[in-house]
Amino acid sequence: MNGPDTGTAVPPVWDRVREYGLAAVLVLIGAPLAAQGLSWLLFAGHGWVLNLAAAVLASALAVAVVVHRGGDLPVRWAAAGLVAAAAALLWGAIGVADHGLAQTVTGLRLILMPIAFAVIAASLGGPAIERLLTVAAWVMTANAVAAVAEKLIGPDTLVHWGFTADHNVRYIDGVFRVPGLTQVNAELGLLAGAFALGYAVCWLSPSTRPRRGVWHIAAVAAVVCLGLSTSRSGALLVVGGLTGAVVLPRTRSRRRRIVAIVLAALLAVGLAGAFVLLGAGGSASLFQRFAVWRDLLAGVSVLGDGIGGAGGATYSRVAASPPRFVDNYFLDVGLQFGPVVMVLLVVATVATVVACVRASRRRRDLVLPIGLVCGLACASLTLDTWEFGATMLTLILFGYHGLRSAP
């Protein structure tokens, strides 16, 4: 891959194509309601066309990166790719047999998109990653403006204007939860949590501290969106990630860890208090999740139901099976691939955090990835986080920002 851009030389055309292409994807998936307005002009209101365009663009860029630089990859990565391809064929065949080709392809797209984002971002230098995070900051700010406007306008007027009841406009525990420029409040809350977490953890290392004004504005916007969306999963993403980032790395003294734990506890209490003030302190939706998980676990087969058998694919317009409410990505994986794979995913997540923690004494740039992985793991307990493209892309960009900014 090309080395990090020093900021003095003009990057090659191919570098610009990757950067601008990923920026376009970020706007399309980070502000889908705004993109849907464009779809009314270009595609007679079929917003899924732009979503599909974002997926195709990201996939094409990722494939081009692999083809262009694949020869430089270690043999172990090639072996891992072959194993992943074999697994996709096996569980893809199970999915096709269970719920058809279209739903299986949709499920495969949801699984592969974050991987495509990571591949593209890995090929970019530090300045390009910072510019993409600036795009993410503008997207976050635009979402906050829309969220405040929606709260002031009210749900009834929004439905009259064309918002979809029980989708864009949702009441949970009796509280109106705004979507901003995303499709649903959960999407807005997770996106806000991802940006707020990345921004906050950036302050823990001198090399990653935010220096662009729009990042500071977007951080405030993220807090606004998190509050108005009342997303408990987004709050869990922030609290879990910050706790992991300040407590786990070995670069910090015991006294600082104790202070960090206290601050994280105060942050959790503060978020809980803010939700109560907003009228979103109820736990009915959380207990509904527990009941659903128990019922779903009782019927899990050894190999699962195949790719697309749970989560977002069952809610797509091409779904052939009934919607399957999960809201736990580890369980989502278990339903699609079986309980053994679910356990392996949990073990791999823990092993990744442990390995990063052990290496953090000599590599301070790992503080940001540790926080992001911890936050993602915590939020995955209450939502299918991997399937929220804008959230995953934001976390990936912050992760590479930490690695690229290391001295």
Protein backbone atom coordinates (compact mmCIF):
# COMPACT_ATOMS: atom_id res chain seq x y z
CA MET A 1 0.00 0.00 0.00
CA ASN A 2 1.05 3.57 -0.43
CA GLY A 3 2.67 5.08 2.65
CA PRO A 4 0.99 7.79 4.68
CA ASP A 5 0.71 11.10 2.90
CA THR A 6 3.08 13.74 4.33
CA GLY A 7 0.75 16.55 3.32
CA THR A 8 3.33 18.24 1.08
CA ALA A 9 3.11 16.19 -2.09
CA VAL A 10 0.06 15.98 -4.30
CA PRO A 11 -1.43 12.50 -3.81
CA PRO A 12 -1.81 10.26 -6.87
CA VAL A 13 -5.11 10.23 -8.71
CA TRP A 14 -5.92 6.77 -7.38
CA ASP A 15 -5.51 8.01 -3.80
CA ARG A 16 -7.97 10.82 -4.51
CA VAL A 17 -10.46 8.38 -6.04
CA ARG A 18 -10.41 6.22 -2.90
CA GLU A 19 -10.73 9.21 -0.61
CA TYR A 20 -13.51 10.95 -2.52
CA GLY A 21 -15.33 7.66 -3.08
CA LEU A 22 -15.30 6.86 0.63
CA ALA A 23 -16.44 10.43 1.39
CA ALA A 24 -19.41 9.96 -0.94
CA VAL A 25 -20.29 6.68 0.77
CA LEU A 26 -20.06 8.39 4.16
CA VAL A 27 -22.55 11.08 3.13
CA LEU A 28 -24.97 8.59 1.58
CA ILE A 29 -25.08 6.28 4.60
CA GLY A 30 -24.66 8.98 7.25
CA ALA A 31 -27.52 11.16 6.02
CA PRO A 32 -29.87 8.80 4.12
CA LEU A 33 -32.95 10.99 4.54
CA ALA A 34 -31.13 13.86 2.83
CA ALA A 35 -30.00 11.47 0.11
CA GLN A 36 -33.58 10.27 -0.23
CA GLY A 37 -34.56 13.81 -1.22
CA LEU A 38 -32.13 13.48 -4.11
CA SER A 39 -33.61 10.11 -4.97
CA TRP A 40 -37.03 11.74 -5.52
CA LEU A 41 -35.44 13.79 -8.29
CA LEU A 42 -33.34 11.04 -9.84
CA PHE A 43 -35.10 7.76 -9.06
CA ALA A 44 -38.77 8.63 -8.41
CA GLY A 45 -38.39 8.28 -4.65
CA HIS A 46 -36.70 4.86 -4.63
CA GLY A 47 -34.20 5.63 -1.86
CA TRP A 48 -32.86 2.09 -1.91
CA VAL A 49 -31.15 2.91 -5.22
CA LEU A 50 -28.76 5.31 -3.48
CA ASN A 51 -28.16 2.79 -0.69
CA LEU A 52 -27.32 0.20 -3.29
CA ALA A 53 -25.07 2.71 -5.07
CA ALA A 54 -23.14 3.30 -1.83
CA ALA A 55 -22.67 -0.44 -1.34
CA VAL A 56 -21.55 -0.97 -4.93
CA LEU A 57 -19.11 1.96 -4.74
CA ALA A 58 -17.55 0.75 -1.48
CA SER A 59 -17.30 -2.82 -2.79
CA ALA A 60 -15.68 -1.71 -6.04
CA LEU A 61 -13.11 0.42 -4.21
CA ALA A 62 -12.28 -2.41 -1.80
CA VAL A 63 -11.88 -4.95 -4.61
CA ALA A 64 -9.65 -2.52 -6.51
CA VAL A 65 -7.44 -2.07 -3.42
CA VAL A 66 -7.09 -5.84 -2.98
CA VAL A 67 -6.31 -6.39 -6.66
CA HIS A 68 -3.83 -3.51 -6.76
CA ARG A 69 -1.99 -4.28 -3.51
CA GLY A 70 -2.97 -7.89 -2.83
CA GLY A 71 0.45 -9.20 -3.80
CA ASP A 72 2.01 -7.35 -0.85
CA LEU A 73 -0.21 -9.09 1.73
CA PRO A 74 1.31 -11.78 3.97
CA VAL A 75 0.46 -15.39 3.20
CA ARG A 76 -1.54 -15.69 6.42
CA TRP A 77 -3.94 -13.00 5.16
CA ALA A 78 -4.46 -14.91 1.94
CA ALA A 79 -5.15 -18.07 3.95
CA ALA A 80 -7.62 -16.21 6.13
CA GLY A 81 -9.34 -14.91 2.99
CA LEU A 82 -9.72 -18.43 1.62
CA VAL A 83 -11.19 -19.67 4.92
CA ALA A 84 -13.64 -16.74 4.95
CA ALA A 85 -14.65 -17.46 1.35
CA ALA A 86 -15.28 -21.13 2.17
CA ALA A 87 -17.38 -20.13 5.19
CA ALA A 88 -19.37 -17.68 3.04
CA LEU A 89 -20.10 -20.45 0.53
CA LEU A 90 -21.20 -22.88 3.24
CA TRP A 91 -23.47 -20.54 5.18
CA GLY A 92 -24.55 -18.82 1.98
CA ALA A 93 -25.83 -22.16 0.68
CA ILE A 94 -27.68 -22.72 3.96
CA GLY A 95 -29.19 -19.25 3.66
CA VAL A 96 -30.33 -19.76 0.08
CA ALA A 97 -31.98 -23.04 1.03
CA ASP A 98 -33.71 -21.46 4.03
CA HIS A 99 -34.86 -18.04 2.79
CA GLY A 100 -33.77 -17.55 -0.81
CA LEU A 101 -30.98 -15.91 -2.77
CA ALA A 102 -32.05 -12.25 -2.50
CA GLN A 103 -32.24 -12.20 1.30
CA THR A 104 -28.95 -14.11 1.55
CA VAL A 105 -27.18 -11.59 -0.68
CA THR A 106 -28.58 -8.76 1.45
CA GLY A 107 -27.25 -10.41 4.59
CA LEU A 108 -23.86 -10.93 2.95
CA ARG A 109 -23.74 -7.25 1.99
CA LEU A 110 -24.42 -6.20 5.59
CA ILE A 111 -21.59 -8.43 6.80
CA LEU A 112 -19.04 -7.37 4.19
CA MET A 113 -19.59 -3.60 4.14
CA PRO A 114 -17.56 -2.78 7.30
CA ILE A 115 -14.79 -5.04 6.01
CA ALA A 116 -14.79 -3.11 2.73
CA PHE A 117 -14.58 0.17 4.68
CA ALA A 118 -11.60 -1.12 6.66
CA VAL A 119 -9.79 -2.25 3.50
CA ILE A 120 -10.24 1.12 1.79
CA ALA A 121 -9.25 3.12 4.88
CA ALA A 122 -6.16 0.96 5.35
CA SER A 123 -4.89 2.12 1.96
CA LEU A 124 -5.13 5.82 2.86
CA GLY A 125 -2.61 8.03 4.62
CA GLY A 126 -3.09 10.06 7.79
CA PRO A 127 -4.09 13.37 6.12
CA ALA A 128 -6.74 11.60 4.02
CA ILE A 129 -8.18 9.94 7.13
CA GLU A 130 -8.35 13.34 8.86
CA ARG A 131 -10.15 14.86 5.88
CA LEU A 132 -12.66 12.00 5.90
CA LEU A 133 -13.24 12.53 9.62
CA THR A 134 -13.91 16.18 8.82
CA VAL A 135 -16.60 15.01 6.37
CA ALA A 136 -17.99 12.83 9.16
CA ALA A 137 -18.00 15.90 11.43
CA TRP A 138 -20.07 17.88 8.92
CA VAL A 139 -22.48 14.92 8.56
CA MET A 140 -22.81 14.76 12.35
CA THR A 141 -23.49 18.49 12.56
CA ALA A 142 -26.14 18.31 9.84
CA ASN A 143 -27.83 15.47 11.71
CA ALA A 144 -27.94 17.58 14.87
CA VAL A 145 -29.57 20.50 13.04
CA ALA A 146 -32.17 18.14 11.58
CA ALA A 147 -32.75 16.46 14.96
CA VAL A 148 -33.43 19.77 16.73
CA ALA A 149 -35.75 20.84 13.90
CA GLU A 150 -37.67 17.56 14.09
CA LYS A 151 -38.11 17.95 17.83
CA LEU A 152 -39.47 21.46 17.38
CA ILE A 153 -41.72 20.55 14.46
CA GLY A 154 -43.23 17.53 16.19
CA PRO A 155 -44.04 13.99 15.03
CA ASP A 156 -47.55 14.67 13.70
CA THR A 157 -46.35 17.32 11.26
CA LEU A 158 -43.41 15.14 10.21
CA VAL A 159 -45.76 12.28 9.32
CA HIS A 160 -47.92 14.73 7.38
CA TRP A 161 -44.83 15.79 5.45
CA GLY A 162 -44.05 12.23 4.42
CA PHE A 163 -42.08 10.67 7.29
CA THR A 164 -43.03 7.06 7.91
CA ALA A 165 -44.82 6.33 11.18
CA ASP A 166 -43.23 3.57 13.32
CA HIS A 167 -40.06 3.87 11.22
CA ASN A 168 -38.73 7.43 10.81
CA VAL A 169 -41.12 8.63 13.52
CA ARG A 170 -41.01 6.30 16.50
CA TYR A 171 -42.37 6.33 20.03
CA ILE A 172 -40.52 4.08 22.48
CA ASP A 173 -41.68 3.97 26.09
CA GLY A 174 -44.01 6.85 25.15
CA VAL A 175 -41.22 9.19 24.02
CA PHE A 176 -40.75 10.61 20.51
CA ARG A 177 -37.24 9.69 19.38
CA VAL A 178 -35.96 11.76 16.48
CA PRO A 179 -34.09 10.21 13.52
CA GLY A 180 -32.16 13.31 12.35
CA LEU A 181 -31.05 12.66 8.77
CA THR A 182 -30.84 8.91 9.37
CA GLN A 183 -33.67 6.42 8.94
CA VAL A 184 -34.41 5.62 12.59
CA ASN A 185 -33.46 6.96 16.01
CA ALA A 186 -31.26 3.95 16.78
CA GLU A 187 -29.17 4.74 13.71
CA LEU A 188 -28.79 8.36 14.79
CA GLY A 189 -27.91 7.39 18.37
CA LEU A 190 -25.24 4.90 17.35
CA LEU A 191 -23.71 7.33 14.85
CA ALA A 192 -23.63 10.03 17.54
CA GLY A 193 -22.14 7.60 20.05
CA ALA A 194 -19.43 6.57 17.58
CA PHE A 195 -18.36 10.15 16.88
CA ALA A 196 -18.56 11.19 20.54
CA LEU A 197 -16.48 8.18 21.62
CA GLY A 198 -13.84 8.67 18.92
CA TYR A 199 -13.57 12.38 19.66
CA ALA A 200 -13.30 11.86 23.42
CA VAL A 201 -10.66 9.11 23.23
CA CYS A 202 -8.61 11.25 20.82
CA TRP A 203 -7.86 13.54 23.80
CA LEU A 204 -6.06 10.73 25.63
CA SER A 205 -3.03 10.93 23.32
CA PRO A 206 -1.17 14.12 22.31
CA SER A 207 -0.71 12.85 18.76
CA THR A 208 -4.44 12.36 18.15
CA ARG A 209 -5.95 15.37 19.91
CA PRO A 210 -8.56 17.12 17.72
CA ARG A 211 -7.30 20.35 16.21
CA ARG A 212 -10.01 21.15 13.67
CA GLY A 213 -12.81 23.47 14.73
CA VAL A 214 -15.55 21.49 13.01
CA TRP A 215 -14.59 18.41 15.06
CA HIS A 216 -15.36 20.33 18.27
CA ILE A 217 -18.68 21.51 16.85
CA ALA A 218 -19.52 17.97 15.75
CA ALA A 219 -18.73 16.64 19.24
CA VAL A 220 -21.37 18.96 20.69
CA ALA A 221 -23.71 17.94 17.86
CA ALA A 222 -23.12 14.27 18.73
CA VAL A 223 -24.15 14.88 22.34
CA VAL A 224 -27.32 16.64 21.12
CA CYS A 225 -28.16 13.76 18.76
CA LEU A 226 -27.46 11.17 21.44
CA GLY A 227 -29.84 12.93 23.82
CA LEU A 228 -32.64 13.54 21.32
CA SER A 229 -32.45 10.01 19.93
CA THR A 230 -32.46 8.64 23.50
CA SER A 231 -30.43 5.68 22.26
CA ARG A 232 -29.31 3.59 25.23
CA SER A 233 -27.10 1.58 22.88
CA GLY A 234 -25.34 4.77 21.76
CA ALA A 235 -24.81 5.73 25.40
CA LEU A 236 -23.45 2.25 26.12
CA LEU A 237 -21.06 2.65 23.20
CA VAL A 238 -19.66 5.86 24.71
CA VAL A 239 -19.47 4.75 28.34
CA GLY A 240 -18.07 1.29 27.58
CA GLY A 241 -15.51 2.64 25.15
CA LEU A 242 -14.31 5.46 27.38
CA THR A 243 -14.03 3.11 30.34
CA GLY A 244 -11.95 0.67 28.32
CA ALA A 245 -9.74 3.43 26.91
CA VAL A 246 -8.85 5.00 30.25
CA VAL A 247 -8.70 1.88 32.44
CA LEU A 248 -7.20 -0.91 30.33
CA PRO A 249 -4.07 0.50 28.62
CA ARG A 250 -0.91 -0.23 30.62
CA THR A 251 0.44 3.24 29.98
CA ARG A 252 -1.66 4.62 32.82
CA SER A 253 -0.89 4.53 36.55
CA ARG A 254 -3.11 2.86 39.13
CA ARG A 255 -4.15 6.22 40.56
CA ARG A 256 -5.24 7.41 37.12
CA ARG A 257 -7.20 4.23 36.57
CA ILE A 258 -9.14 4.79 39.80
CA VAL A 259 -9.88 8.37 38.78
CA ALA A 260 -10.90 7.13 35.33
CA ILE A 261 -13.31 4.59 36.80
CA VAL A 262 -14.92 7.30 38.93
CA LEU A 263 -15.23 9.62 35.93
CA ALA A 264 -16.72 6.84 33.79
CA ALA A 265 -19.25 6.11 36.54
CA LEU A 266 -20.16 9.79 36.75
CA LEU A 267 -20.55 9.87 32.96
CA ALA A 268 -22.89 6.88 33.08
CA VAL A 269 -24.95 8.48 35.84
CA GLY A 270 -25.03 11.76 33.91
CA LEU A 271 -26.29 10.09 30.73
CA ALA A 272 -28.90 8.16 32.68
CA GLY A 273 -30.04 11.39 34.36
CA ALA A 274 -30.25 13.17 31.00
CA PHE A 275 -32.45 10.40 29.60
CA VAL A 276 -34.72 10.61 32.64
CA LEU A 277 -35.07 14.38 32.17
CA LEU A 278 -35.99 13.75 28.52
CA GLY A 279 -38.65 11.28 29.62
CA ALA A 280 -36.77 8.27 28.27
CA GLY A 281 -35.78 6.61 31.51
CA GLY A 282 -38.04 3.58 31.10
CA SER A 283 -36.61 0.10 30.69
CA ALA A 284 -39.55 -1.63 29.02
CA SER A 285 -37.79 -1.91 25.65
CA LEU A 286 -34.70 -3.39 27.32
CA PHE A 287 -36.70 -6.11 29.07
CA GLN A 288 -38.46 -6.82 25.77
CA ARG A 289 -35.02 -7.59 24.34
CA PHE A 290 -34.30 -10.08 27.13
CA ALA A 291 -37.55 -11.93 26.46
CA VAL A 292 -36.89 -12.09 22.72
CA TRP A 293 -33.31 -13.34 23.22
CA ARG A 294 -34.51 -16.20 25.43
CA ASP A 295 -37.03 -17.33 22.84
CA LEU A 296 -34.55 -17.07 19.96
CA LEU A 297 -31.80 -18.98 21.76
CA ALA A 298 -34.19 -21.84 22.41
CA GLY A 299 -34.50 -22.53 18.69
CA VAL A 300 -30.90 -22.09 17.47
CA SER A 301 -29.61 -24.92 15.28
CA VAL A 302 -25.98 -26.09 15.27
CA LEU A 303 -25.16 -24.38 11.95
CA GLY A 304 -27.69 -21.58 12.26
CA ASP A 305 -30.08 -20.47 9.55
CA GLY A 306 -27.45 -19.23 7.14
CA ILE A 307 -26.41 -15.75 6.03
CA GLY A 308 -29.33 -13.31 6.12
CA GLY A 309 -31.33 -15.39 8.58
CA ALA A 310 -31.48 -12.66 11.24
CA GLY A 311 -31.13 -8.92 11.68
CA GLY A 312 -31.43 -6.29 8.98
CA ALA A 313 -31.73 -8.72 6.08
CA THR A 314 -35.06 -9.97 7.43
CA TYR A 315 -36.40 -6.39 7.34
CA SER A 316 -35.26 -5.62 3.79
CA ARG A 317 -37.64 -5.17 0.90
CA VAL A 318 -36.49 -8.50 -0.61
CA ALA A 319 -36.92 -10.54 2.59
CA ALA A 320 -38.66 -13.87 2.09
CA SER A 321 -38.85 -14.77 5.79
CA PRO A 322 -40.66 -12.98 8.65
CA PRO A 323 -38.77 -10.12 10.37
CA ARG A 324 -36.49 -11.41 13.11
CA PHE A 325 -36.03 -8.93 15.94
CA VAL A 326 -32.63 -9.53 17.61
CA ASP A 327 -30.90 -6.33 18.85
CA ASN A 328 -27.79 -8.21 19.96
CA TYR A 329 -25.11 -8.70 17.33
CA PHE A 330 -23.47 -11.66 19.07
CA LEU A 331 -26.83 -13.43 19.07
CA ASP A 332 -27.38 -12.24 15.48
CA VAL A 333 -24.19 -14.08 14.49
CA GLY A 334 -25.29 -17.13 16.47
CA LEU A 335 -28.62 -17.27 14.64
CA GLN A 336 -26.94 -16.99 11.24
CA PHE A 337 -23.83 -19.13 11.81
CA GLY A 338 -24.66 -21.23 14.86
CA PRO A 339 -23.74 -21.02 18.56
CA VAL A 340 -20.16 -22.25 18.06
CA VAL A 341 -19.33 -19.33 15.77
CA MET A 342 -21.04 -16.97 18.23
CA VAL A 343 -18.78 -18.19 21.03
CA LEU A 344 -15.73 -17.90 18.77
CA LEU A 345 -16.67 -14.28 18.01
CA VAL A 346 -16.89 -13.48 21.72
CA VAL A 347 -13.52 -15.14 22.34
CA ALA A 348 -11.94 -13.32 19.39
CA THR A 349 -13.25 -9.96 20.66
CA VAL A 350 -11.85 -10.54 24.13
CA ALA A 351 -8.55 -11.82 22.69
CA THR A 352 -8.22 -8.72 20.50
CA VAL A 353 -8.69 -6.39 23.46
CA VAL A 354 -6.24 -8.40 25.60
CA ALA A 355 -3.60 -8.39 22.84
CA CYS A 356 -3.94 -4.63 22.37
CA VAL A 357 -3.75 -4.04 26.12
CA ARG A 358 -0.56 -6.10 26.39
CA ALA A 359 1.01 -4.16 23.53
CA SER A 360 -0.14 -0.77 24.82
CA ARG A 361 2.91 -0.32 27.07
CA ARG A 362 5.17 0.03 24.04
CA ARG A 363 2.53 1.31 21.60
CA ARG A 364 0.53 4.22 22.95
CA ASP A 365 -1.30 4.54 19.64
CA LEU A 366 -3.38 1.51 20.65
CA VAL A 367 -5.36 3.50 23.21
CA LEU A 368 -7.86 4.63 20.57
CA PRO A 369 -8.44 1.16 19.06
CA ILE A 370 -8.86 -0.31 22.57
CA GLY A 371 -11.57 2.21 23.38
CA LEU A 372 -13.35 1.73 20.08
CA VAL A 373 -13.40 -2.08 20.31
CA CYS A 374 -14.60 -1.99 23.94
CA GLY A 375 -17.37 0.44 23.05
CA LEU A 376 -18.42 -1.57 20.01
CA ALA A 377 -18.51 -4.79 22.05
CA CYS A 378 -20.68 -3.18 24.75
CA ALA A 379 -23.11 -1.68 22.26
CA SER A 380 -23.31 -5.00 20.40
CA LEU A 381 -24.99 -6.49 23.47
CA THR A 382 -28.11 -4.40 22.82
CA LEU A 383 -28.05 -3.70 19.06
CA ASP A 384 -26.87 -5.20 15.76
CA THR A 385 -24.06 -2.64 15.58
CA TRP A 386 -22.17 -4.25 12.69
CA GLU A 387 -25.13 -3.63 10.39
CA PHE A 388 -25.12 0.15 10.97
CA GLY A 389 -22.79 1.25 8.17
CA ALA A 390 -22.29 4.90 9.14
CA THR A 391 -21.43 3.92 12.71
CA MET A 392 -18.91 1.30 11.62
CA LEU A 393 -17.27 3.62 9.09
CA THR A 394 -16.92 6.36 11.72
CA LEU A 395 -15.32 3.95 14.21
CA ILE A 396 -12.97 2.61 11.52
CA LEU A 397 -11.85 6.12 10.54
CA PHE A 398 -11.13 7.05 14.16
CA GLY A 399 -9.24 3.80 14.64
CA TYR A 400 -6.98 4.46 11.67
CA HIS A 401 -6.59 8.07 12.81
CA GLY A 402 -5.07 6.74 16.02
CA LEU A 403 -2.74 4.37 14.21
CA ARG A 404 -1.71 6.88 11.52
CA SER A 405 -1.05 9.66 14.06
CA ALA A 406 1.40 7.67 16.17
CA PRO A 407 4.81 9.37 16.54
